Structures are given as C-alpha cells and as structure tokens.
Amino acid sequence: MVAKESLDNQSKYSHQTNTVPKLQKIMLDGGFTCPNRDGRVGRGGCSFCQCESFNPDYCRDNKTIHEQIEAGKAFFRGKYSNMKYLAYFQAYSSTYASLDVLRQRYEEALAVEDVVGLVIATRPDCIDENVLSLLVSIRERNYSVAIELGCESFYDRTLERVNRGHTVAQSITAIQMCKKYAIPVTIHLILGLPGESREDILAQTELINSLPIDALKLHQLQILRGTPIAREWEKNSADFLSFTLDSYSEFVAEFVNRLRDDICIERYASSAPKDMLLAPRFGVKPSVVEGHIKKLLLQKN
C-alpha cells in the first residue's frame, strides 16, 4: 500500500461537476453549539476541545458567514488562479439546529460568489434523515456537499471518559445514513486518547474498514492549556500515550497500512498555537509530519 493522497485542497468531491477547479476549503464558524455543551446530553463539551485552537482569525470578531467567506477568500487570494471555494462549516456541530436555521446559514454561504459547495462538520448524534434530505436538495442544484463526522474513537469507554456524549453505535448509524443518501463522508479519529493503548488504536482499523466511509482525518491528541484533559494529563500522564515525531510517524504509518486501499487520508496530523499546546510538541508543521509518514509507507511497500 502507498500513502493515500490528501483531499484537503483538491477535493475528491469535485467529481460532482464536469470540471476539476482548484478548490479551497474556507473554515467557518456558523454560530452553532454542541449537545454536550448546552445540556442536551452533557455540559462542558469534550474534555480535549479548545475551539480557539483551530479557528482562523477570519472566523472571529462575530463576523457574518458572508463576511467570513470574503475574508477567507482574501486570505487565500493568489494561491491559484481561477479558484473556487467550499464553505467549510467546521466549528462545533454544524447540523445542530432547526432545519430553518440550517437552511438559512447554508444558503448564506452558497450565495457568495465562487462558492461551489458545502463541507459540514458535525457529530454522529446530530445527523438524521431530515438533515441529509436538506443536503441532497442542495446537491440537486449542482453544488458539492460532503459531511465530516467527529467519531474520535470507536470505544464507548473512551467516548464516555472524554465527555463526547454519543456512542459508537451512533457513529456507525450516522455513517450508514450518509451512505444511504450518497453523501461523501469523512470521519475524524484522535490517536492517543486517555486509556487507549497502541493495540487498542490499531484494532479500530478492522471496524473502520467495514464502514462505508470515503476518507479519514487523523489527529494526534493535543493537550491544550485550560482544558479538562490537560488537568487530567498533569495529574496522570502515564495514562496517555507519549508520542515523539518519529514514534508518531511510525505509528500512523502502521495504522494507515492496515486500512482499505480506497480510504483516502485527508489529514495525518493536526497543529495548534504554540502558546496553547502542552504536548506533544513535534516542532514541525503537519506537512512535515505527513512527509515523514508517506516516506515510511513507501518503505513498508
């Protein structure tokens, strides 16, 4: 097996059109929340989450969706000629609202010039057939639509420990529903959550291979200042895997080598602002980590 190609900028979702433009995701904060924040299934959110660590500056200052997209376009202007954009509703759970609210926010994004589709990041317990029907109706107007599901782990004990508020069964159901509606789905998985051994993490590939997913985003667990998981790590770091750049690269190469050949890897590693990050500190950009991993995969082949 060779390293699967990244989809982050040149999205495979462009198969829904007759041309293949240079596509750039523009991350958005749609003003949503999560059911483990507002009390529906819990309070406080995920123990590892610090949304400010991955929201770009143009998502802040209470900008409208239109304003965020225009600021994002300005940020990426000049990267390629003739660029098109995917409105990437990334922050929190971007299907967690009434259908009327979802329709209004998605349509605001689609009304911006050169936006050709939506990528909707959400939780498995915030997907239902009404939401998927709405996305299909958008796709029928020749827009690209795709879903990213934050599964994070396929162990219920881990999901409970980090206060996710959903189950593995809900993740499986959400993935299968996306398949039913022919909506491409990417799942997110965090490597190194507390209480999971290397063997536990690798064993998840068997279930992942059995699911109708299109792509996978891998994240090393990042211990961020001020989060509940940071306090847990400071008290008992022995319950967490400790990765260096080399050991993480080796581990991810082994993980990816166990996956089906048709699962595309959109991300191999994450990043966070230095002033927020306690551990692990690789000292390089995610693109460098990706290069290490791809080199190892080629060696394994």
C-alpha atoms as a PDB file:
ATOM      1  CA  MET A   1       0.000   0.000   0.000  1.00  0.00           C
ATOM      2  CA  VAL A   2       1.223   3.520  -0.763  1.00  0.00           C
ATOM      3  CA  ALA A   3       0.224   6.679   1.070  1.00  0.00           C
ATOM      4  CA  LYS A   4      -3.241   7.828   0.103  1.00  0.00           C
ATOM      5  CA  GLU A   5      -3.455  11.325  -1.337  1.00  0.00           C
ATOM      6  CA  SER A   6      -4.708  14.249   0.726  1.00  0.00           C
ATOM      7  CA  LEU A   7      -8.075  15.763  -0.164  1.00  0.00           C
ATOM      8  CA  ASP A   8      -7.781  18.994   1.818  1.00  0.00           C
ATOM      9  CA  ASN A   9      -7.328  21.399  -1.090  1.00  0.00           C
ATOM     10  CA  GLN A  10      -8.017  19.418  -4.263  1.00  0.00           C
ATOM     11  CA  SER A  11     -11.200  17.809  -3.046  1.00  0.00           C
ATOM     12  CA  LYS A  12     -12.417  14.494  -4.414  1.00  0.00           C
ATOM     13  CA  TYR A  13     -15.904  15.922  -4.014  1.00  0.00           C
ATOM     14  CA  SER A  14     -15.410  17.812  -7.289  1.00  0.00           C
ATOM     15  CA  HIS A  15     -16.451  14.587  -9.028  1.00  0.00           C
ATOM     16  CA  GLN A  16     -19.972  16.022  -8.908  1.00  0.00           C
ATOM     17  CA  THR A  17     -19.041  18.603 -11.572  1.00  0.00           C
ATOM     18  CA  ASN A  18     -17.600  18.246 -15.063  1.00  0.00           C
ATOM     19  CA  THR A  19     -14.503  20.290 -14.283  1.00  0.00           C
ATOM     20  CA  VAL A  20     -11.818  19.995 -11.648  1.00  0.00           C
ATOM     21  CA  PRO A  21     -11.084  23.515 -10.367  1.00  0.00           C
ATOM     22  CA  LYS A  22      -8.595  24.306  -7.663  1.00  0.00           C
ATOM     23  CA  LEU A  23     -10.761  24.027  -4.576  1.00  0.00           C
ATOM     24  CA  GLN A  24     -10.028  25.632  -1.230  1.00  0.00           C
ATOM     25  CA  LYS A  25     -11.976  24.977   1.938  1.00  0.00           C
ATOM     26  CA  ILE A  26     -12.785  28.158   3.846  1.00  0.00           C
ATOM     27  CA  MET A  27     -13.346  27.369   7.513  1.00  0.00           C
ATOM     28  CA  LEU A  28     -16.427  28.948   9.042  1.00  0.00           C
ATOM     29  CA  ASP A  29     -17.990  29.410  12.440  1.00  0.00           C
ATOM     30  CA  GLY A  30     -21.709  29.129  11.768  1.00  0.00           C
ATOM     31  CA  GLY A  31     -22.702  30.084  15.298  1.00  0.00           C
ATOM     32  CA  PHE A  32     -23.641  26.558  16.355  1.00  0.00           C
ATOM     33  CA  THR A  33     -23.023  24.740  19.624  1.00  0.00           C
ATOM     34  CA  CYS A  34     -22.906  21.070  20.687  1.00  0.00           C
ATOM     35  CA  PRO A  35     -25.349  18.882  22.627  1.00  0.00           C
ATOM     36  CA  ASN A  36     -22.651  18.100  25.211  1.00  0.00           C
ATOM     37  CA  ARG A  37     -22.293  21.829  25.845  1.00  0.00           C
ATOM     38  CA  ASP A  38     -25.871  23.049  26.089  1.00  0.00           C
ATOM     39  CA  GLY A  39     -27.146  20.311  28.402  1.00  0.00           C
ATOM     40  CA  ARG A  40     -28.978  18.043  25.988  1.00  0.00           C
ATOM     41  CA  VAL A  41     -26.504  15.224  26.590  1.00  0.00           C
ATOM     42  CA  GLY A  42     -23.970  16.942  28.834  1.00  0.00           C
ATOM     43  CA  ARG A  43     -22.190  20.101  29.897  1.00  0.00           C
ATOM     44  CA  GLY A  44     -18.711  21.440  29.353  1.00  0.00           C
ATOM     45  CA  GLY A  45     -18.081  19.953  25.906  1.00  0.00           C
ATOM     46  CA  CYS A  46     -15.391  17.433  25.010  1.00  0.00           C
ATOM     47  CA  SER A  47     -12.602  17.347  27.565  1.00  0.00           C
ATOM     48  CA  PHE A  48      -9.954  17.902  24.855  1.00  0.00           C
ATOM     49  CA  CYS A  49     -11.712  20.705  22.960  1.00  0.00           C
ATOM     50  CA  GLN A  50     -10.451  24.259  22.677  1.00  0.00           C
ATOM     51  CA  CYS A  51     -12.162  25.641  19.586  1.00  0.00           C
ATOM     52  CA  GLU A  52      -9.982  28.742  19.504  1.00  0.00           C
ATOM     53  CA  SER A  53      -7.000  26.497  18.745  1.00  0.00           C
ATOM     54  CA  PHE A  54      -8.166  25.745  15.206  1.00  0.00           C
ATOM     55  CA  ASN A  55     -10.442  28.630  14.207  1.00  0.00           C
ATOM     56  CA  PRO A  56      -8.577  31.020  11.884  1.00  0.00           C
ATOM     57  CA  ASP A  57      -8.598  34.723  12.648  1.00  0.00           C
ATOM     58  CA  TYR A  58     -11.139  35.475   9.929  1.00  0.00           C
ATOM     59  CA  CYS A  59     -13.736  33.353  11.814  1.00  0.00           C
ATOM     60  CA  ARG A  60     -13.609  35.640  14.829  1.00  0.00           C
ATOM     61  CA  ASP A  61     -14.962  39.053  15.820  1.00  0.00           C
ATOM     62  CA  ASN A  62     -18.587  37.965  15.287  1.00  0.00           C
ATOM     63  CA  LYS A  63     -18.389  38.179  11.510  1.00  0.00           C
ATOM     64  CA  THR A  64     -21.363  37.027   9.448  1.00  0.00           C
ATOM     65  CA  ILE A  65     -20.968  33.906   7.349  1.00  0.00           C
ATOM     66  CA  HIS A  66     -20.713  36.074   4.229  1.00  0.00           C
ATOM     67  CA  GLU A  67     -18.016  38.226   5.862  1.00  0.00           C
ATOM     68  CA  GLN A  68     -16.034  35.172   6.977  1.00  0.00           C
ATOM     69  CA  ILE A  69     -16.033  33.745   3.451  1.00  0.00           C
ATOM     70  CA  GLU A  70     -14.939  37.023   1.892  1.00  0.00           C
ATOM     71  CA  ALA A  71     -12.155  37.311   4.482  1.00  0.00           C
ATOM     72  CA  GLY A  72     -11.130  33.738   3.755  1.00  0.00           C
ATOM     73  CA  LYS A  73     -11.094  34.382   0.014  1.00  0.00           C
ATOM     74  CA  ALA A  74      -8.859  37.394   0.607  1.00  0.00           C
ATOM     75  CA  PHE A  75      -6.540  35.262   2.748  1.00  0.00           C
ATOM     76  CA  PHE A  76      -6.151  32.607   0.029  1.00  0.00           C
ATOM     77  CA  ARG A  77      -6.193  35.001  -2.939  1.00  0.00           C
ATOM     78  CA  GLY A  78      -3.245  34.417  -5.221  1.00  0.00           C
ATOM     79  CA  LYS A  79      -2.677  30.824  -4.160  1.00  0.00           C
ATOM     80  CA  TYR A  80      -4.038  29.606  -7.503  1.00  0.00           C
ATOM     81  CA  SER A  81      -5.689  31.220 -10.481  1.00  0.00           C
ATOM     82  CA  ASN A  82      -9.384  30.617 -11.059  1.00  0.00           C
ATOM     83  CA  MET A  83     -10.021  29.277  -7.553  1.00  0.00           C
ATOM     84  CA  LYS A  84     -13.353  28.008  -6.291  1.00  0.00           C
ATOM     85  CA  TYR A  85     -14.307  27.529  -2.675  1.00  0.00           C
ATOM     86  CA  LEU A  86     -16.021  25.059  -0.373  1.00  0.00           C
ATOM     87  CA  ALA A  87     -17.770  26.625   2.609  1.00  0.00           C
ATOM     88  CA  TYR A  88     -16.440  24.503   5.476  1.00  0.00           C
ATOM     89  CA  PHE A  89     -18.726  24.733   8.490  1.00  0.00           C
ATOM     90  CA  GLN A  90     -16.130  23.451  10.928  1.00  0.00           C
ATOM     91  CA  ALA A  91     -16.744  24.907  14.384  1.00  0.00           C
ATOM     92  CA  TYR A  92     -18.794  22.870  16.850  1.00  0.00           C
ATOM     93  CA  SER A  93     -21.713  20.787  15.470  1.00  0.00           C
ATOM     94  CA  SER A  94     -22.860  22.364  12.232  1.00  0.00           C
ATOM     95  CA  THR A  95     -26.101  20.392  11.906  1.00  0.00           C
ATOM     96  CA  TYR A  96     -27.230  21.069  15.471  1.00  0.00           C
ATOM     97  CA  ALA A  97     -30.108  23.482  14.835  1.00  0.00           C
ATOM     98  CA  SER A  98     -33.579  23.541  13.308  1.00  0.00           C
ATOM     99  CA  LEU A  99     -33.889  22.872   9.591  1.00  0.00           C
ATOM    100  CA  ASP A 100     -34.901  26.500   9.018  1.00  0.00           C
ATOM    101  CA  VAL A 101     -31.746  27.748  10.727  1.00  0.00           C
ATOM    102  CA  LEU A 102     -29.549  25.258   8.857  1.00  0.00           C
ATOM    103  CA  ARG A 103     -31.093  26.219   5.521  1.00  0.00           C
ATOM    104  CA  GLN A 104     -30.590  29.936   6.179  1.00  0.00           C
ATOM    105  CA  ARG A 105     -26.929  29.563   7.173  1.00  0.00           C
ATOM    106  CA  TYR A 106     -26.030  27.177   4.377  1.00  0.00           C
ATOM    107  CA  GLU A 107     -27.766  29.375   1.797  1.00  0.00           C
ATOM    108  CA  GLU A 108     -25.914  32.445   3.052  1.00  0.00           C
ATOM    109  CA  ALA A 109     -22.659  30.639   2.298  1.00  0.00           C
ATOM    110  CA  LEU A 110     -23.776  29.379  -1.109  1.00  0.00           C
ATOM    111  CA  ALA A 111     -24.822  32.892  -2.151  1.00  0.00           C
ATOM    112  CA  VAL A 112     -21.208  34.091  -2.036  1.00  0.00           C
ATOM    113  CA  GLU A 113     -19.510  34.286  -5.422  1.00  0.00           C
ATOM    114  CA  ASP A 114     -17.305  31.311  -6.340  1.00  0.00           C
ATOM    115  CA  VAL A 115     -18.597  29.093  -3.515  1.00  0.00           C
ATOM    116  CA  VAL A 116     -19.383  25.780  -5.186  1.00  0.00           C
ATOM    117  CA  GLY A 117     -20.304  23.586  -2.264  1.00  0.00           C
ATOM    118  CA  LEU A 118     -20.509  22.790   1.425  1.00  0.00           C
ATOM    119  CA  VAL A 119     -18.478  20.656   3.785  1.00  0.00           C
ATOM    120  CA  ILE A 120     -20.396  20.168   7.020  1.00  0.00           C
ATOM    121  CA  ALA A 121     -18.566  19.057  10.161  1.00  0.00           C
ATOM    122  CA  THR A 122     -20.767  17.627  12.884  1.00  0.00           C
ATOM    123  CA  ARG A 123     -21.286  14.897  15.464  1.00  0.00           C
ATOM    124  CA  PRO A 124     -22.777  11.466  14.784  1.00  0.00           C
ATOM    125  CA  ASP A 125     -25.727  12.182  17.082  1.00  0.00           C
ATOM    126  CA  CYS A 126     -26.590  15.363  15.155  1.00  0.00           C
ATOM    127  CA  ILE A 127     -27.320  13.631  11.848  1.00  0.00           C
ATOM    128  CA  ASP A 128     -30.777  12.497  10.813  1.00  0.00           C
ATOM    129  CA  GLU A 129     -32.703  11.904   7.613  1.00  0.00           C
ATOM    130  CA  ASN A 130     -34.177  15.420   7.591  1.00  0.00           C
ATOM    131  CA  VAL A 131     -30.706  16.982   7.635  1.00  0.00           C
ATOM    132  CA  LEU A 132     -29.491  14.611   4.930  1.00  0.00           C
ATOM    133  CA  SER A 133     -32.552  15.354   2.781  1.00  0.00           C
ATOM    134  CA  LEU A 134     -31.753  19.069   3.055  1.00  0.00           C
ATOM    135  CA  LEU A 135     -28.191  18.423   1.861  1.00  0.00           C
ATOM    136  CA  VAL A 136     -29.438  16.280  -1.010  1.00  0.00           C
ATOM    137  CA  SER A 137     -31.742  19.123  -2.107  1.00  0.00           C
ATOM    138  CA  ILE A 138     -28.684  21.406  -2.205  1.00  0.00           C
ATOM    139  CA  ARG A 139     -26.713  18.838  -4.184  1.00  0.00           C
ATOM    140  CA  GLU A 140     -29.542  18.617  -6.712  1.00  0.00           C
ATOM    141  CA  ARG A 141     -28.811  22.266  -7.541  1.00  0.00           C
ATOM    142  CA  ASN A 142     -25.327  21.175  -8.701  1.00  0.00           C
ATOM    143  CA  TYR A 143     -23.497  22.118  -5.519  1.00  0.00           C
ATOM    144  CA  SER A 144     -20.997  19.777  -3.934  1.00  0.00           C
ATOM    145  CA  VAL A 145     -21.933  18.521  -0.469  1.00  0.00           C
ATOM    146  CA  ALA A 146     -19.950  16.412   1.981  1.00  0.00           C
ATOM    147  CA  ILE A 147     -20.052  15.574   5.675  1.00  0.00           C
ATOM    148  CA  GLU A 148     -17.287  15.239   8.239  1.00  0.00           C
ATOM    149  CA  LEU A 149     -18.183  13.232  11.326  1.00  0.00           C
ATOM    150  CA  GLY A 150     -16.290  13.595  14.577  1.00  0.00           C
ATOM    151  CA  CYS A 151     -16.256   9.950  15.655  1.00  0.00           C
ATOM    152  CA  GLU A 152     -12.927  10.446  17.524  1.00  0.00           C
ATOM    153  CA  SER A 153     -12.848   6.888  18.917  1.00  0.00           C
ATOM    154  CA  PHE A 154     -14.608   3.581  18.381  1.00  0.00           C
ATOM    155  CA  TYR A 155     -14.556   2.689  22.080  1.00  0.00           C
ATOM    156  CA  ASP A 156     -17.563   3.654  24.192  1.00  0.00           C
ATOM    157  CA  ARG A 157     -15.431   3.746  27.327  1.00  0.00           C
ATOM    158  CA  THR A 158     -13.236   6.399  25.732  1.00  0.00           C
ATOM    159  CA  LEU A 159     -16.156   8.445  24.430  1.00  0.00           C
ATOM    160  CA  GLU A 160     -17.644   8.497  27.928  1.00  0.00           C
ATOM    161  CA  ARG A 161     -14.320   9.415  29.518  1.00  0.00           C
ATOM    162  CA  VAL A 162     -13.791  12.454  27.275  1.00  0.00           C
ATOM    163  CA  ASN A 163     -17.437  13.569  27.635  1.00  0.00           C
ATOM    164  CA  ARG A 164     -18.402  13.114  23.990  1.00  0.00           C
ATOM    165  CA  GLY A 165     -21.991  12.236  24.843  1.00  0.00           C
ATOM    166  CA  HIS A 166     -22.525   9.874  21.912  1.00  0.00           C
ATOM    167  CA  THR A 167     -21.849   6.188  21.340  1.00  0.00           C
ATOM    168  CA  VAL A 168     -20.039   4.026  18.824  1.00  0.00           C
ATOM    169  CA  ALA A 169     -23.413   2.728  17.653  1.00  0.00           C
ATOM    170  CA  GLN A 170     -24.473   6.285  16.826  1.00  0.00           C
ATOM    171  CA  SER A 171     -21.282   6.787  14.811  1.00  0.00           C
ATOM    172  CA  ILE A 172     -21.969   3.645  12.793  1.00  0.00           C
ATOM    173  CA  THR A 173     -25.598   4.642  12.185  1.00  0.00           C
ATOM    174  CA  ALA A 174     -24.633   8.149  11.038  1.00  0.00           C
ATOM    175  CA  ILE A 175     -22.040   6.787   8.589  1.00  0.00           C
ATOM    176  CA  GLN A 176     -24.541   4.322   7.154  1.00  0.00           C
ATOM    177  CA  MET A 177     -27.175   7.064   6.756  1.00  0.00           C
ATOM    178  CA  CYS A 178     -24.719   9.211   4.808  1.00  0.00           C
ATOM    179  CA  LYS A 179     -24.051   6.244   2.544  1.00  0.00           C
ATOM    180  CA  LYS A 180     -27.808   5.743   2.041  1.00  0.00           C
ATOM    181  CA  TYR A 181     -28.076   9.323   0.761  1.00  0.00           C
ATOM    182  CA  ALA A 182     -24.860   9.031  -1.289  1.00  0.00           C
ATOM    183  CA  ILE A 183     -23.215  11.880   0.597  1.00  0.00           C
ATOM    184  CA  PRO A 184     -19.423  11.535   0.858  1.00  0.00           C
ATOM    185  CA  VAL A 185     -18.338  11.145   4.472  1.00  0.00           C
ATOM    186  CA  THR A 186     -15.013  11.753   6.167  1.00  0.00           C
ATOM    187  CA  ILE A 187     -14.532  10.628   9.753  1.00  0.00           C
ATOM    188  CA  HIS A 188     -12.210  12.154  12.332  1.00  0.00           C
ATOM    189  CA  LEU A 189     -10.203   9.961  14.701  1.00  0.00           C
ATOM    190  CA  ILE A 190      -7.975  11.091  17.565  1.00  0.00           C
ATOM    191  CA  LEU A 191      -4.919   8.969  18.269  1.00  0.00           C
ATOM    192  CA  GLY A 192      -3.754   8.879  21.870  1.00  0.00           C
ATOM    193  CA  LEU A 193      -6.929   9.448  23.861  1.00  0.00           C
ATOM    194  CA  PRO A 194      -6.518   8.501  27.531  1.00  0.00           C
ATOM    195  CA  GLY A 195      -6.751   4.839  28.396  1.00  0.00           C
ATOM    196  CA  GLU A 196      -6.198   3.643  24.821  1.00  0.00           C
ATOM    197  CA  SER A 197      -3.100   1.581  24.110  1.00  0.00           C
ATOM    198  CA  ARG A 198      -1.361   1.341  20.766  1.00  0.00           C
ATOM    199  CA  GLU A 199      -3.002  -2.037  20.274  1.00  0.00           C
ATOM    200  CA  ASP A 200      -6.431  -0.566  21.053  1.00  0.00           C
ATOM    201  CA  ILE A 201      -5.972   2.151  18.443  1.00  0.00           C
ATOM    202  CA  LEU A 202      -4.702  -0.196  15.752  1.00  0.00           C
ATOM    203  CA  ALA A 203      -7.577  -2.605  16.391  1.00  0.00           C
ATOM    204  CA  GLN A 204     -10.047   0.104  15.319  1.00  0.00           C
ATOM    205  CA  THR A 205      -8.930  -0.300  11.712  1.00  0.00           C
ATOM    206  CA  GLU A 206     -10.931  -3.527  11.438  1.00  0.00           C
ATOM    207  CA  LEU A 207     -14.205  -1.709  12.179  1.00  0.00           C
ATOM    208  CA  ILE A 208     -13.235   1.313  10.064  1.00  0.00           C
ATOM    209  CA  ASN A 209     -12.560  -0.970   7.095  1.00  0.00           C
ATOM    210  CA  SER A 210     -16.055  -2.413   7.418  1.00  0.00           C
ATOM    211  CA  LEU A 211     -17.753   1.001   7.241  1.00  0.00           C
ATOM    212  CA  PRO A 212     -18.749   2.850   4.036  1.00  0.00           C
ATOM    213  CA  ILE A 213     -16.501   5.872   4.584  1.00  0.00           C
ATOM    214  CA  ASP A 214     -14.719   7.825   1.880  1.00  0.00           C
ATOM    215  CA  ALA A 215     -11.950   9.482   3.853  1.00  0.00           C
ATOM    216  CA  LEU A 216     -10.289   9.776   7.223  1.00  0.00           C
ATOM    217  CA  LYS A 217      -8.704  12.629   9.164  1.00  0.00           C
ATOM    218  CA  LEU A 218      -6.201  11.591  11.820  1.00  0.00           C
ATOM    219  CA  HIS A 219      -5.281  13.812  14.744  1.00  0.00           C
ATOM    220  CA  GLN A 220      -2.706  13.257  17.442  1.00  0.00           C
ATOM    221  CA  LEU A 221      -4.269  14.059  20.811  1.00  0.00           C
ATOM    222  CA  GLN A 222      -3.138  17.595  21.586  1.00  0.00           C
ATOM    223  CA  ILE A 223      -3.080  18.576  25.239  1.00  0.00           C
ATOM    224  CA  LEU A 224      -4.235  22.192  25.264  1.00  0.00           C
ATOM    225  CA  ARG A 225      -3.963  24.615  28.154  1.00  0.00           C
ATOM    226  CA  GLY A 226      -7.134  25.197  30.116  1.00  0.00           C
ATOM    227  CA  THR A 227      -8.934  22.032  29.024  1.00  0.00           C
ATOM    228  CA  PRO A 228     -10.184  19.308  31.375  1.00  0.00           C
ATOM    229  CA  ILE A 229      -7.955  16.778  29.636  1.00  0.00           C
ATOM    230  CA  ALA A 230      -4.908  18.966  30.369  1.00  0.00           C
ATOM    231  CA  ARG A 231      -5.685  18.780  34.073  1.00  0.00           C
ATOM    232  CA  GLU A 232      -6.118  15.007  33.785  1.00  0.00           C
ATOM    233  CA  TRP A 233      -2.786  14.720  31.927  1.00  0.00           C
ATOM    234  CA  GLU A 234      -0.975  16.825  34.532  1.00  0.00           C
ATOM    235  CA  LYS A 235      -2.239  14.507  37.279  1.00  0.00           C
ATOM    236  CA  ASN A 236      -1.623  11.209  35.484  1.00  0.00           C
ATOM    237  CA  SER A 237       0.398  11.498  32.283  1.00  0.00           C
ATOM    238  CA  ALA A 238       1.148   7.767  32.437  1.00  0.00           C
ATOM    239  CA  ASP A 239      -2.399   7.084  31.228  1.00  0.00           C
ATOM    240  CA  PHE A 240      -1.640   8.836  27.943  1.00  0.00           C
ATOM    241  CA  LEU A 241       0.499   7.690  25.034  1.00  0.00           C
ATOM    242  CA  SER A 242       3.617   9.812  24.675  1.00  0.00           C
ATOM    243  CA  PHE A 243       4.487  10.499  21.040  1.00  0.00           C
ATOM    244  CA  THR A 244       7.622  11.990  19.503  1.00  0.00           C
ATOM    245  CA  LEU A 245       7.711  12.991  15.844  1.00  0.00           C
ATOM    246  CA  ASP A 246       9.411   9.704  14.951  1.00  0.00           C
ATOM    247  CA  SER A 247       7.227   7.461  17.093  1.00  0.00           C
ATOM    248  CA  TYR A 248       4.027   9.143  15.884  1.00  0.00           C
ATOM    249  CA  SER A 249       5.099   8.849  12.256  1.00  0.00           C
ATOM    250  CA  GLU A 250       5.906   5.150  12.696  1.00  0.00           C
ATOM    251  CA  PHE A 251       2.622   4.535  14.463  1.00  0.00           C
ATOM    252  CA  VAL A 252       0.466   6.328  11.874  1.00  0.00           C
ATOM    253  CA  ALA A 253       2.256   4.524   9.055  1.00  0.00           C
ATOM    254  CA  GLU A 254       1.324   1.214  10.701  1.00  0.00           C
ATOM    255  CA  PHE A 255      -2.274   2.413  11.207  1.00  0.00           C
ATOM    256  CA  VAL A 256      -2.692   3.584   7.604  1.00  0.00           C
ATOM    257  CA  ASN A 257      -1.100   0.411   6.269  1.00  0.00           C
ATOM    258  CA  ARG A 258      -3.970  -1.555   7.814  1.00  0.00           C
ATOM    259  CA  LEU A 259      -6.689   0.486   6.092  1.00  0.00           C
ATOM    260  CA  ARG A 260      -8.584  -0.352   2.921  1.00  0.00           C
ATOM    261  CA  ASP A 261      -6.878   0.973  -0.183  1.00  0.00           C
ATOM    262  CA  ASP A 262      -9.866   3.137  -1.157  1.00  0.00           C
ATOM    263  CA  ILE A 263      -9.959   5.130   2.092  1.00  0.00           C
ATOM    264  CA  CYS A 264      -8.378   8.495   1.400  1.00  0.00           C
ATOM    265  CA  ILE A 265      -6.329  10.156   4.130  1.00  0.00           C
ATOM    266  CA  GLU A 266      -7.186  13.840   4.295  1.00  0.00           C
ATOM    267  CA  ARG A 267      -5.017  14.586   7.312  1.00  0.00           C
ATOM    268  CA  TYR A 268      -2.204  12.799   9.108  1.00  0.00           C
ATOM    269  CA  ALA A 269      -1.608  15.248  11.964  1.00  0.00           C
ATOM    270  CA  SER A 270      -3.008  18.420  13.500  1.00  0.00           C
ATOM    271  CA  SER A 271      -1.490  21.642  14.746  1.00  0.00           C
ATOM    272  CA  ALA A 272      -2.283  24.129  17.498  1.00  0.00           C
ATOM    273  CA  PRO A 273      -0.913  27.528  18.561  1.00  0.00           C
ATOM    274  CA  LYS A 274       2.342  27.123  20.479  1.00  0.00           C
ATOM    275  CA  ASP A 275       1.080  29.115  23.439  1.00  0.00           C
ATOM    276  CA  MET A 276      -1.875  26.722  23.850  1.00  0.00           C
ATOM    277  CA  LEU A 277      -0.074  23.412  23.282  1.00  0.00           C
ATOM    278  CA  LEU A 278       1.345  21.482  26.237  1.00  0.00           C
ATOM    279  CA  ALA A 279       2.046  18.193  24.445  1.00  0.00           C
ATOM    280  CA  PRO A 280       3.102  16.612  22.183  1.00  0.00           C
ATOM    281  CA  ARG A 281       5.467  19.203  20.731  1.00  0.00           C
ATOM    282  CA  PHE A 282       6.767  17.928  17.407  1.00  0.00           C
ATOM    283  CA  GLY A 283       8.339  21.260  16.490  1.00  0.00           C
ATOM    284  CA  VAL A 284       7.371  20.981  12.799  1.00  0.00           C
ATOM    285  CA  LYS A 285       4.360  21.732  10.651  1.00  0.00           C
ATOM    286  CA  PRO A 286       1.790  18.979   9.903  1.00  0.00           C
ATOM    287  CA  SER A 287       3.039  18.894   6.293  1.00  0.00           C
ATOM    288  CA  VAL A 288       6.443  17.773   7.570  1.00  0.00           C
ATOM    289  CA  VAL A 289       4.809  15.045   9.674  1.00  0.00           C
ATOM    290  CA  GLU A 290       2.880  13.950   6.586  1.00  0.00           C
ATOM    291  CA  GLY A 291       6.116  13.747   4.622  1.00  0.00           C
ATOM    292  CA  HIS A 292       7.689  11.524   7.289  1.00  0.00           C
ATOM    293  CA  ILE A 293       4.683   9.206   7.254  1.00  0.00           C
ATOM    294  CA  LYS A 294       4.492   8.926   3.468  1.00  0.00           C
ATOM    295  CA  LYS A 295       8.193   8.084   3.326  1.00  0.00           C
ATOM    296  CA  LEU A 296       7.677   5.310   5.864  1.00  0.00           C
ATOM    297  CA  LEU A 297       4.674   3.960   3.950  1.00  0.00           C
ATOM    298  CA  LEU A 298       6.703   3.759   0.774  1.00  0.00           C
ATOM    299  CA  GLN A 299       9.420   1.897   2.668  1.00  0.00           C
ATOM    300  CA  LYS A 300       6.855  -0.543   4.035  1.00  0.00           C
ATOM    301  CA  ASN A 301       5.667  -1.241   0.489  1.00  0.00           C
END
